[in-house]
Amino acid sequence: MLVVRAARIAHLHRQIDDLERRRDVARSEQQRLELLLAAARDPAVIEDVARRWLGLVFPGEEKAVFIEEE
């Protein structure tokens, strides 16, 4: 009976270790996502995406598109 309890305790310790590792990974991922979200809310980043990726301009501005001939 003592051996069964010792095996059970060892198994529970392994589970705790595994859960603590998974918690640490989840916390790291959460920090990464929080930084990404903070950057996405930055007005300078939003303007850069709007201008560069979406081709938007402010009212009164004109966008020039250069086409290279082959």
C-alpha atoms as a PDB file:
ATOM      1  CA  MET A   1       0.000   0.000   0.000  1.00  0.00           C
ATOM      2  CA  LEU A   2       2.873   2.331   0.797  1.00  0.00           C
ATOM      3  CA  VAL A   3       4.366   1.696  -2.649  1.00  0.00           C
ATOM      4  CA  VAL A   4       1.054   2.551  -4.313  1.00  0.00           C
ATOM      5  CA  ARG A   5       0.863   5.838  -2.415  1.00  0.00           C
ATOM      6  CA  ALA A   6       4.472   6.693  -3.246  1.00  0.00           C
ATOM      7  CA  ALA A   7       3.812   5.998  -6.938  1.00  0.00           C
ATOM      8  CA  ARG A   8       0.674   8.132  -6.827  1.00  0.00           C
ATOM      9  CA  ILE A   9       2.564  10.981  -5.149  1.00  0.00           C
ATOM     10  CA  ALA A  10       5.338  10.761  -7.747  1.00  0.00           C
ATOM     11  CA  HIS A  11       2.731  10.858 -10.524  1.00  0.00           C
ATOM     12  CA  LEU A  12       1.093  13.921  -8.957  1.00  0.00           C
ATOM     13  CA  HIS A  13       4.476  15.672  -8.718  1.00  0.00           C
ATOM     14  CA  ARG A  14       5.066  15.022 -12.431  1.00  0.00           C
ATOM     15  CA  GLN A  15       1.624  16.445 -13.209  1.00  0.00           C
ATOM     16  CA  ILE A  16       2.371  19.535 -11.124  1.00  0.00           C
ATOM     17  CA  ASP A  17       5.692  20.033 -12.930  1.00  0.00           C
ATOM     18  CA  ASP A  18       3.980  19.677 -16.299  1.00  0.00           C
ATOM     19  CA  LEU A  19       1.240  22.138 -15.375  1.00  0.00           C
ATOM     20  CA  GLU A  20       3.777  24.658 -14.091  1.00  0.00           C
ATOM     21  CA  ARG A  21       5.701  24.441 -17.397  1.00  0.00           C
ATOM     22  CA  ARG A  22       2.481  24.900 -19.364  1.00  0.00           C
ATOM     23  CA  ARG A  23       1.571  27.884 -17.155  1.00  0.00           C
ATOM     24  CA  ASP A  24       4.960  29.477 -17.842  1.00  0.00           C
ATOM     25  CA  VAL A  25       4.520  28.985 -21.595  1.00  0.00           C
ATOM     26  CA  ALA A  26       1.030  30.484 -21.423  1.00  0.00           C
ATOM     27  CA  ARG A  27       2.320  33.501 -19.486  1.00  0.00           C
ATOM     28  CA  SER A  28       5.053  34.083 -22.056  1.00  0.00           C
ATOM     29  CA  GLU A  29       2.504  33.884 -24.870  1.00  0.00           C
ATOM     30  CA  GLN A  30       0.223  36.280 -23.010  1.00  0.00           C
ATOM     31  CA  GLN A  31       3.063  38.812 -22.642  1.00  0.00           C
ATOM     32  CA  ARG A  32       3.883  38.509 -26.346  1.00  0.00           C
ATOM     33  CA  LEU A  33       0.251  39.068 -27.298  1.00  0.00           C
ATOM     34  CA  GLU A  34      -0.064  42.045 -24.929  1.00  0.00           C
ATOM     35  CA  LEU A  35       2.953  43.678 -26.605  1.00  0.00           C
ATOM     36  CA  LEU A  36       1.480  42.983 -30.022  1.00  0.00           C
ATOM     37  CA  LEU A  37      -1.842  44.489 -28.955  1.00  0.00           C
ATOM     38  CA  ALA A  38      -0.129  47.566 -27.520  1.00  0.00           C
ATOM     39  CA  ALA A  39       1.704  48.060 -30.815  1.00  0.00           C
ATOM     40  CA  ALA A  40      -1.521  47.632 -32.773  1.00  0.00           C
ATOM     41  CA  ARG A  41      -3.126  50.401 -30.710  1.00  0.00           C
ATOM     42  CA  ASP A  42      -0.210  52.795 -31.266  1.00  0.00           C
ATOM     43  CA  PRO A  43      -1.400  55.663 -33.509  1.00  0.00           C
ATOM     44  CA  ALA A  44       1.932  55.721 -35.373  1.00  0.00           C
ATOM     45  CA  VAL A  45       1.635  52.019 -36.188  1.00  0.00           C
ATOM     46  CA  ILE A  46      -1.982  52.439 -37.294  1.00  0.00           C
ATOM     47  CA  GLU A  47      -1.002  55.325 -39.578  1.00  0.00           C
ATOM     48  CA  ASP A  48       1.907  53.358 -41.026  1.00  0.00           C
ATOM     49  CA  VAL A  49      -0.327  50.367 -41.805  1.00  0.00           C
ATOM     50  CA  ALA A  50      -3.015  52.596 -43.298  1.00  0.00           C
ATOM     51  CA  ARG A  51      -0.556  54.398 -45.540  1.00  0.00           C
ATOM     52  CA  ARG A  52       1.776  51.591 -46.526  1.00  0.00           C
ATOM     53  CA  TRP A  53      -0.487  48.574 -46.669  1.00  0.00           C
ATOM     54  CA  LEU A  54      -3.872  50.079 -47.435  1.00  0.00           C
ATOM     55  CA  GLY A  55      -2.725  53.035 -49.546  1.00  0.00           C
ATOM     56  CA  LEU A  56      -4.773  55.539 -47.552  1.00  0.00           C
ATOM     57  CA  VAL A  57      -3.961  59.239 -47.289  1.00  0.00           C
ATOM     58  CA  PHE A  58      -5.180  62.085 -45.107  1.00  0.00           C
ATOM     59  CA  PRO A  59      -7.801  64.445 -46.516  1.00  0.00           C
ATOM     60  CA  GLY A  60      -6.097  67.004 -48.735  1.00  0.00           C
ATOM     61  CA  GLU A  61      -3.153  64.730 -49.516  1.00  0.00           C
ATOM     62  CA  GLU A  62      -2.610  63.114 -52.871  1.00  0.00           C
ATOM     63  CA  LYS A  63      -1.095  59.712 -53.428  1.00  0.00           C
ATOM     64  CA  ALA A  64       1.386  59.219 -56.232  1.00  0.00           C
ATOM     65  CA  VAL A  65       1.808  55.776 -57.743  1.00  0.00           C
ATOM     66  CA  PHE A  66       4.906  55.233 -59.865  1.00  0.00           C
ATOM     67  CA  ILE A  67       4.779  52.574 -62.536  1.00  0.00           C
ATOM     68  CA  GLU A  68       8.024  51.309 -63.987  1.00  0.00           C
ATOM     69  CA  GLU A  69       8.117  50.487 -67.675  1.00  0.00           C
ATOM     70  CA  GLU A  70       9.859  47.311 -68.749  1.00  0.00           C
END
